[in-house]
Amino acid sequence: MANYYGKCRTNYFAVTDAEKFADIMKHLSGESEVAFYEHDTDKGKYMFYCECNLTGYIANPDDDYSCDEAMDKMTNELQKILPDGEAIILTEAGSEKMRYILCTSTIITNSEIKHINLANIALATAQEMLKNPNYTTEMDY
């Protein structure tokens, strides 16, 4: 069985509470360390990344969340500290050998959270270009 290897990072974004943001970062979990930085020249703007997949927000070691629950908790915690007019765009890219290649983004604002998947966008674009809404294809395995 092959292993999934992914990486993720965000854009630079502002927060309403830098201390709360640092606390959230302490509780993020991934298959490798989650690191965060303040922008060198644009102080007050932050980004974070993980060299492998991000698994979400774990408040304490005894928490037994599923990965989906932990990711939802992470996005909800981040959403609380975003000012109006700001967005966090978390992008993950990875693969499991050549069985599949994943590229997704989660966009977080203080009022909304959306998930997008490049494969879904590509398929919808192909359907539009072919003028065939029923067009389908296999892109995994």
N, C-alpha and C. Protein backbone atom coordinates (compact mmCIF):
# COMPACT_ATOMS: atom_id res chain seq x y z
N MET A 1 0.84 -1.18 0.00
CA MET A 1 0.00 0.00 0.00
C MET A 1 0.89 1.24 0.00
N ALA A 2 0.50 2.20 -0.79
CA ALA A 2 1.26 3.44 -0.92
C ALA A 2 0.89 4.42 0.19
N ASN A 3 1.73 5.38 0.42
CA ASN A 3 1.48 6.43 1.41
C ASN A 3 1.10 7.72 0.71
N TYR A 4 0.26 8.50 1.37
CA TYR A 4 -0.10 9.82 0.88
C TYR A 4 0.95 10.81 1.34
N TYR A 5 1.43 11.63 0.44
CA TYR A 5 2.38 12.69 0.77
C TYR A 5 1.78 14.02 0.32
N GLY A 6 1.55 14.89 1.27
CA GLY A 6 0.94 16.17 0.95
C GLY A 6 1.67 17.30 1.62
N LYS A 7 1.36 18.48 1.18
CA LYS A 7 1.86 19.72 1.78
C LYS A 7 0.70 20.71 1.77
N CYS A 8 0.70 21.59 2.74
CA CYS A 8 -0.33 22.63 2.74
C CYS A 8 0.25 23.92 3.27
N ARG A 9 -0.36 25.01 2.83
CA ARG A 9 0.01 26.33 3.33
C ARG A 9 -1.14 27.29 3.08
N THR A 10 -1.06 28.42 3.76
CA THR A 10 -2.07 29.45 3.58
C THR A 10 -1.47 30.66 2.88
N ASN A 11 -2.33 31.55 2.49
CA ASN A 11 -1.93 32.89 2.09
C ASN A 11 -1.55 33.66 3.35
N TYR A 12 -1.11 34.90 3.20
CA TYR A 12 -0.91 35.79 4.35
C TYR A 12 -2.24 36.46 4.66
N PHE A 13 -2.57 36.55 5.93
CA PHE A 13 -3.87 37.09 6.34
C PHE A 13 -3.73 37.82 7.67
N ALA A 14 -4.64 38.75 7.92
CA ALA A 14 -4.69 39.50 9.17
C ALA A 14 -5.65 38.81 10.13
N VAL A 15 -5.44 39.03 11.43
CA VAL A 15 -6.34 38.50 12.45
C VAL A 15 -6.72 39.64 13.41
N THR A 16 -7.79 39.43 14.14
CA THR A 16 -8.22 40.44 15.11
C THR A 16 -7.55 40.26 16.46
N ASP A 17 -6.97 39.08 16.70
CA ASP A 17 -6.37 38.78 18.00
C ASP A 17 -5.13 37.90 17.80
N ALA A 18 -3.95 38.52 17.81
CA ALA A 18 -2.70 37.78 17.55
C ALA A 18 -2.42 36.74 18.63
N GLU A 19 -2.77 37.01 19.88
CA GLU A 19 -2.55 36.03 20.96
C GLU A 19 -3.43 34.80 20.77
N LYS A 20 -4.69 35.02 20.41
CA LYS A 20 -5.60 33.89 20.16
C LYS A 20 -5.12 33.10 18.95
N PHE A 21 -4.64 33.78 17.93
CA PHE A 21 -4.11 33.09 16.75
C PHE A 21 -2.93 32.20 17.15
N ALA A 22 -1.99 32.72 17.95
CA ALA A 22 -0.85 31.93 18.41
C ALA A 22 -1.31 30.72 19.21
N ASP A 23 -2.36 30.90 20.02
CA ASP A 23 -2.90 29.78 20.80
C ASP A 23 -3.51 28.72 19.87
N ILE A 24 -4.24 29.15 18.84
CA ILE A 24 -4.80 28.20 17.88
C ILE A 24 -3.68 27.42 17.21
N MET A 25 -2.61 28.11 16.84
CA MET A 25 -1.48 27.45 16.17
C MET A 25 -0.85 26.37 17.06
N LYS A 26 -0.82 26.59 18.38
CA LYS A 26 -0.28 25.59 19.31
C LYS A 26 -1.09 24.31 19.30
N HIS A 27 -2.37 24.42 18.93
CA HIS A 27 -3.26 23.27 18.98
C HIS A 27 -3.52 22.63 17.62
N LEU A 28 -2.88 23.15 16.57
CA LEU A 28 -3.06 22.52 15.27
C LEU A 28 -2.19 21.28 15.20
N SER A 29 -2.70 20.27 14.55
CA SER A 29 -2.03 18.99 14.47
C SER A 29 -1.83 18.62 13.01
N GLY A 30 -0.71 17.99 12.75
CA GLY A 30 -0.42 17.49 11.41
C GLY A 30 0.52 16.32 11.51
N GLU A 31 0.77 15.68 10.38
CA GLU A 31 1.71 14.56 10.38
C GLU A 31 3.14 15.05 10.53
N SER A 32 3.35 16.35 10.40
CA SER A 32 4.61 16.99 10.74
C SER A 32 4.24 18.28 11.48
N GLU A 33 5.22 18.99 11.96
CA GLU A 33 4.95 20.20 12.73
C GLU A 33 4.23 21.24 11.87
N VAL A 34 3.27 21.91 12.47
CA VAL A 34 2.60 23.03 11.81
C VAL A 34 3.36 24.29 12.23
N ALA A 35 3.87 25.03 11.26
CA ALA A 35 4.64 26.24 11.54
C ALA A 35 3.85 27.45 11.10
N PHE A 36 4.04 28.57 11.82
CA PHE A 36 3.40 29.82 11.39
C PHE A 36 4.41 30.95 11.49
N TYR A 37 4.20 31.95 10.65
CA TYR A 37 5.11 33.08 10.55
C TYR A 37 4.34 34.37 10.38
N GLU A 38 4.95 35.44 10.87
CA GLU A 38 4.46 36.77 10.57
C GLU A 38 5.22 37.26 9.36
N HIS A 39 4.53 37.94 8.45
CA HIS A 39 5.15 38.45 7.23
C HIS A 39 6.29 39.40 7.58
N ASP A 40 7.42 39.28 6.89
CA ASP A 40 8.60 40.09 7.19
C ASP A 40 8.34 41.59 7.05
N THR A 41 7.68 41.97 5.98
CA THR A 41 7.52 43.40 5.71
C THR A 41 6.11 43.91 5.97
N ASP A 42 5.15 43.03 6.04
CA ASP A 42 3.75 43.43 6.25
C ASP A 42 3.32 42.91 7.63
N LYS A 43 3.83 43.55 8.70
CA LYS A 43 3.56 43.10 10.06
C LYS A 43 2.06 43.03 10.32
N GLY A 44 1.68 42.04 11.11
CA GLY A 44 0.27 41.83 11.39
C GLY A 44 -0.40 40.89 10.40
N LYS A 45 0.37 40.41 9.41
CA LYS A 45 -0.13 39.40 8.46
C LYS A 45 0.60 38.10 8.76
N TYR A 46 -0.15 37.01 8.81
CA TYR A 46 0.40 35.71 9.18
C TYR A 46 0.11 34.67 8.11
N MET A 47 0.88 33.59 8.15
CA MET A 47 0.60 32.41 7.32
C MET A 47 1.00 31.19 8.14
N PHE A 48 0.48 30.02 7.76
CA PHE A 48 0.96 28.79 8.37
C PHE A 48 1.04 27.70 7.32
N TYR A 49 1.86 26.69 7.62
CA TYR A 49 2.04 25.59 6.68
C TYR A 49 2.38 24.31 7.43
N CYS A 50 2.28 23.22 6.71
CA CYS A 50 2.61 21.90 7.24
C CYS A 50 3.24 21.11 6.10
N GLU A 51 4.35 20.45 6.39
CA GLU A 51 5.07 19.68 5.37
C GLU A 51 4.35 18.40 4.96
N CYS A 52 3.35 18.00 5.68
CA CYS A 52 2.55 16.82 5.33
C CYS A 52 1.09 17.21 5.53
N ASN A 53 0.17 16.23 5.64
CA ASN A 53 -1.21 16.68 5.77
C ASN A 53 -1.49 17.24 7.16
N LEU A 54 -2.30 18.27 7.12
CA LEU A 54 -2.81 18.92 8.32
C LEU A 54 -3.99 18.08 8.80
N THR A 55 -4.04 17.79 10.09
CA THR A 55 -5.14 16.96 10.59
C THR A 55 -6.15 17.73 11.43
N GLY A 56 -5.86 19.01 11.74
CA GLY A 56 -6.86 19.85 12.38
C GLY A 56 -6.51 20.32 13.76
N TYR A 57 -7.54 20.76 14.49
CA TYR A 57 -7.41 21.39 15.80
C TYR A 57 -7.66 20.36 16.88
N ILE A 58 -6.67 20.16 17.75
CA ILE A 58 -6.81 19.26 18.88
C ILE A 58 -6.55 20.08 20.14
N ALA A 59 -7.59 20.36 20.92
CA ALA A 59 -7.47 21.23 22.09
C ALA A 59 -6.60 20.60 23.18
N ASN A 60 -6.71 19.29 23.38
CA ASN A 60 -5.85 18.61 24.34
C ASN A 60 -5.60 17.18 23.88
N PRO A 61 -4.55 16.54 24.39
CA PRO A 61 -4.17 15.21 23.90
C PRO A 61 -5.24 14.13 24.06
N ASP A 62 -6.20 14.35 24.96
CA ASP A 62 -7.25 13.35 25.17
C ASP A 62 -8.40 13.48 24.17
N ASP A 63 -8.41 14.55 23.38
CA ASP A 63 -9.48 14.71 22.39
C ASP A 63 -9.43 13.57 21.40
N ASP A 64 -10.59 13.04 21.08
CA ASP A 64 -10.66 11.91 20.16
C ASP A 64 -11.57 12.28 18.98
N TYR A 65 -11.17 13.32 18.25
CA TYR A 65 -11.94 13.77 17.10
C TYR A 65 -11.56 12.97 15.87
N SER A 66 -12.52 12.79 14.97
CA SER A 66 -12.17 12.29 13.65
C SER A 66 -11.41 13.42 12.95
N CYS A 67 -10.72 13.09 11.88
CA CYS A 67 -9.98 14.12 11.13
C CYS A 67 -10.94 15.20 10.63
N ASP A 68 -12.11 14.81 10.12
CA ASP A 68 -13.08 15.79 9.64
C ASP A 68 -13.54 16.72 10.76
N GLU A 69 -13.81 16.15 11.95
CA GLU A 69 -14.24 16.97 13.09
C GLU A 69 -13.13 17.94 13.51
N ALA A 70 -11.89 17.45 13.52
CA ALA A 70 -10.76 18.29 13.91
C ALA A 70 -10.53 19.41 12.90
N MET A 71 -10.72 19.12 11.61
CA MET A 71 -10.57 20.15 10.59
C MET A 71 -11.70 21.18 10.71
N ASP A 72 -12.92 20.72 10.97
CA ASP A 72 -14.04 21.65 11.17
C ASP A 72 -13.78 22.54 12.38
N LYS A 73 -13.27 21.97 13.44
CA LYS A 73 -12.96 22.73 14.64
C LYS A 73 -11.89 23.79 14.33
N MET A 74 -10.88 23.41 13.54
CA MET A 74 -9.83 24.35 13.16
C MET A 74 -10.41 25.52 12.38
N THR A 75 -11.20 25.24 11.35
CA THR A 75 -11.74 26.33 10.53
C THR A 75 -12.67 27.22 11.35
N ASN A 76 -13.44 26.62 12.26
CA ASN A 76 -14.34 27.42 13.10
C ASN A 76 -13.57 28.32 14.05
N GLU A 77 -12.48 27.82 14.63
CA GLU A 77 -11.66 28.63 15.53
C GLU A 77 -11.01 29.79 14.77
N LEU A 78 -10.49 29.51 13.58
CA LEU A 78 -9.86 30.57 12.78
C LEU A 78 -10.88 31.61 12.33
N GLN A 79 -12.07 31.15 12.00
CA GLN A 79 -13.12 32.05 11.54
C GLN A 79 -13.44 33.13 12.58
N LYS A 80 -13.34 32.77 13.86
CA LYS A 80 -13.68 33.69 14.95
C LYS A 80 -12.73 34.88 15.06
N ILE A 81 -11.52 34.77 14.50
CA ILE A 81 -10.53 35.84 14.68
C ILE A 81 -10.20 36.56 13.37
N LEU A 82 -11.05 36.39 12.36
CA LEU A 82 -10.83 37.09 11.09
C LEU A 82 -11.62 38.39 11.05
N PRO A 83 -10.95 39.48 10.67
CA PRO A 83 -11.68 40.74 10.54
C PRO A 83 -12.52 40.75 9.26
N ASP A 84 -13.44 41.68 9.18
CA ASP A 84 -14.21 41.87 7.95
C ASP A 84 -13.23 42.13 6.80
N GLY A 85 -13.54 41.59 5.64
CA GLY A 85 -12.72 41.84 4.45
C GLY A 85 -11.46 41.00 4.36
N GLU A 86 -11.31 39.99 5.23
CA GLU A 86 -10.11 39.15 5.22
C GLU A 86 -10.50 37.70 4.98
N ALA A 87 -9.60 36.95 4.34
CA ALA A 87 -9.84 35.53 4.08
C ALA A 87 -8.55 34.74 4.31
N ILE A 88 -8.72 33.54 4.82
CA ILE A 88 -7.63 32.57 4.87
C ILE A 88 -7.89 31.59 3.74
N ILE A 89 -6.90 31.37 2.90
CA ILE A 89 -7.00 30.39 1.82
C ILE A 89 -5.97 29.31 2.13
N LEU A 90 -6.45 28.17 2.58
CA LEU A 90 -5.61 27.03 2.93
C LEU A 90 -5.61 26.07 1.75
N THR A 91 -4.46 25.88 1.13
CA THR A 91 -4.35 25.01 -0.05
C THR A 91 -3.50 23.80 0.29
N GLU A 92 -4.00 22.62 -0.09
CA GLU A 92 -3.27 21.38 0.11
C GLU A 92 -3.10 20.69 -1.24
N ALA A 93 -1.89 20.20 -1.47
CA ALA A 93 -1.61 19.41 -2.67
C ALA A 93 -0.85 18.17 -2.22
N GLY A 94 -1.19 17.05 -2.82
CA GLY A 94 -0.51 15.82 -2.45
C GLY A 94 -0.88 14.69 -3.39
N SER A 95 -0.24 13.56 -3.16
CA SER A 95 -0.52 12.40 -4.00
C SER A 95 -0.24 11.12 -3.24
N GLU A 96 -0.85 10.06 -3.70
CA GLU A 96 -0.54 8.71 -3.26
C GLU A 96 -0.05 7.99 -4.50
N LYS A 97 1.29 7.88 -4.60
CA LYS A 97 1.92 7.41 -5.84
C LYS A 97 1.21 8.11 -7.00
N MET A 98 0.81 7.41 -8.00
CA MET A 98 0.05 8.03 -9.09
C MET A 98 -1.40 7.57 -9.07
N ARG A 99 -1.84 7.03 -7.92
CA ARG A 99 -3.24 6.62 -7.79
C ARG A 99 -4.17 7.82 -7.85
N TYR A 100 -3.77 8.86 -7.17
CA TYR A 100 -4.54 10.10 -7.25
C TYR A 100 -3.64 11.27 -6.89
N ILE A 101 -3.99 12.42 -7.42
CA ILE A 101 -3.34 13.67 -7.08
C ILE A 101 -4.45 14.58 -6.55
N LEU A 102 -4.21 15.16 -5.40
CA LEU A 102 -5.21 15.97 -4.73
C LEU A 102 -4.76 17.42 -4.70
N CYS A 103 -5.66 18.32 -5.01
CA CYS A 103 -5.39 19.74 -4.82
C CYS A 103 -6.70 20.39 -4.39
N THR A 104 -6.74 20.82 -3.14
CA THR A 104 -7.95 21.42 -2.59
C THR A 104 -7.61 22.74 -1.93
N SER A 105 -8.60 23.57 -1.78
CA SER A 105 -8.47 24.79 -1.00
C SER A 105 -9.69 24.93 -0.11
N THR A 106 -9.45 25.42 1.08
CA THR A 106 -10.51 25.79 2.00
C THR A 106 -10.40 27.30 2.18
N ILE A 107 -11.48 28.00 1.92
CA ILE A 107 -11.50 29.45 2.03
C ILE A 107 -12.34 29.79 3.25
N ILE A 108 -11.72 30.53 4.18
CA ILE A 108 -12.37 30.87 5.44
C ILE A 108 -12.49 32.39 5.53
N THR A 109 -13.71 32.88 5.75
CA THR A 109 -13.93 34.28 6.09
C THR A 109 -14.65 34.29 7.44
N ASN A 110 -14.89 35.46 7.99
CA ASN A 110 -15.55 35.48 9.29
C ASN A 110 -17.04 35.15 9.19
N SER A 111 -17.56 34.98 7.97
CA SER A 111 -18.98 34.66 7.82
C SER A 111 -19.26 33.38 7.02
N GLU A 112 -18.21 32.80 6.41
CA GLU A 112 -18.46 31.68 5.52
C GLU A 112 -17.20 30.81 5.39
N ILE A 113 -17.42 29.52 5.12
CA ILE A 113 -16.33 28.58 4.86
C ILE A 113 -16.72 27.78 3.63
N LYS A 114 -15.82 27.72 2.64
CA LYS A 114 -16.07 26.94 1.44
C LYS A 114 -14.86 26.06 1.14
N HIS A 115 -15.15 24.88 0.59
CA HIS A 115 -14.11 23.94 0.18
C HIS A 115 -14.20 23.78 -1.34
N ILE A 116 -13.05 23.85 -2.00
CA ILE A 116 -13.03 23.61 -3.44
C ILE A 116 -11.99 22.55 -3.76
N ASN A 117 -12.25 21.83 -4.84
CA ASN A 117 -11.40 20.73 -5.25
C ASN A 117 -11.06 20.94 -6.73
N LEU A 118 -9.78 20.98 -7.06
CA LEU A 118 -9.36 21.25 -8.43
C LEU A 118 -9.92 20.22 -9.42
N ALA A 119 -9.97 18.95 -9.04
CA ALA A 119 -10.51 17.92 -9.95
C ALA A 119 -11.97 18.20 -10.30
N ASN A 120 -12.76 18.62 -9.32
CA ASN A 120 -14.17 18.95 -9.59
C ASN A 120 -14.29 20.16 -10.50
N ILE A 121 -13.44 21.16 -10.26
CA ILE A 121 -13.46 22.36 -11.10
C ILE A 121 -13.04 22.00 -12.53
N ALA A 122 -12.02 21.15 -12.67
CA ALA A 122 -11.55 20.73 -14.00
C ALA A 122 -12.64 19.96 -14.74
N LEU A 123 -13.33 19.06 -14.05
CA LEU A 123 -14.41 18.31 -14.69
C LEU A 123 -15.54 19.24 -15.14
N ALA A 124 -15.93 20.17 -14.28
CA ALA A 124 -16.98 21.12 -14.66
C ALA A 124 -16.55 21.97 -15.84
N THR A 125 -15.28 22.35 -15.89
CA THR A 125 -14.76 23.13 -17.01
C THR A 125 -14.79 22.31 -18.30
N ALA A 126 -14.40 21.03 -18.22
CA ALA A 126 -14.44 20.16 -19.39
C ALA A 126 -15.88 20.00 -19.88
N GLN A 127 -16.83 19.82 -18.97
CA GLN A 127 -18.24 19.70 -19.36
C GLN A 127 -18.71 20.96 -20.08
N GLU A 128 -18.30 22.11 -19.58
CA GLU A 128 -18.67 23.37 -20.20
C GLU A 128 -18.03 23.50 -21.59
N MET A 129 -16.74 23.18 -21.69
CA MET A 129 -16.04 23.30 -22.97
C MET A 129 -16.63 22.35 -24.02
N LEU A 130 -17.03 21.15 -23.57
CA LEU A 130 -17.61 20.16 -24.47
C LEU A 130 -19.10 20.39 -24.71
N LYS A 131 -19.65 21.35 -23.98
CA LYS A 131 -21.10 21.60 -24.03
C LYS A 131 -21.87 20.31 -23.76
N ASN A 132 -21.36 19.55 -22.78
CA ASN A 132 -21.96 18.27 -22.41
C ASN A 132 -21.95 18.15 -20.89
N PRO A 133 -23.06 18.52 -20.22
CA PRO A 133 -23.11 18.46 -18.76
C PRO A 133 -23.04 17.04 -18.21
N ASN A 134 -23.19 16.03 -19.06
CA ASN A 134 -23.14 14.63 -18.62
C ASN A 134 -21.76 14.00 -18.81
N TYR A 135 -20.82 14.75 -19.38
CA TYR A 135 -19.46 14.22 -19.59
C TYR A 135 -18.87 13.82 -18.23
N THR A 136 -18.26 12.66 -18.19
CA THR A 136 -17.56 12.21 -16.99
C THR A 136 -16.30 11.48 -17.41
N THR A 137 -15.38 11.32 -16.48
CA THR A 137 -14.12 10.64 -16.75
C THR A 137 -13.57 10.09 -15.46
N GLU A 138 -12.61 9.23 -15.53
CA GLU A 138 -11.93 8.68 -14.34
C GLU A 138 -10.56 9.33 -14.22
N MET A 139 -10.28 9.94 -13.08
CA MET A 139 -8.99 10.59 -12.87
C MET A 139 -8.19 9.95 -11.75
N ASP A 140 -8.77 8.98 -11.04
CA ASP A 140 -8.08 8.29 -9.94
C ASP A 140 -7.95 6.81 -10.27
N TYR A 141 -6.88 6.22 -9.74
CA TYR A 141 -6.59 4.80 -9.90
C TYR A 141 -6.58 4.42 -11.33
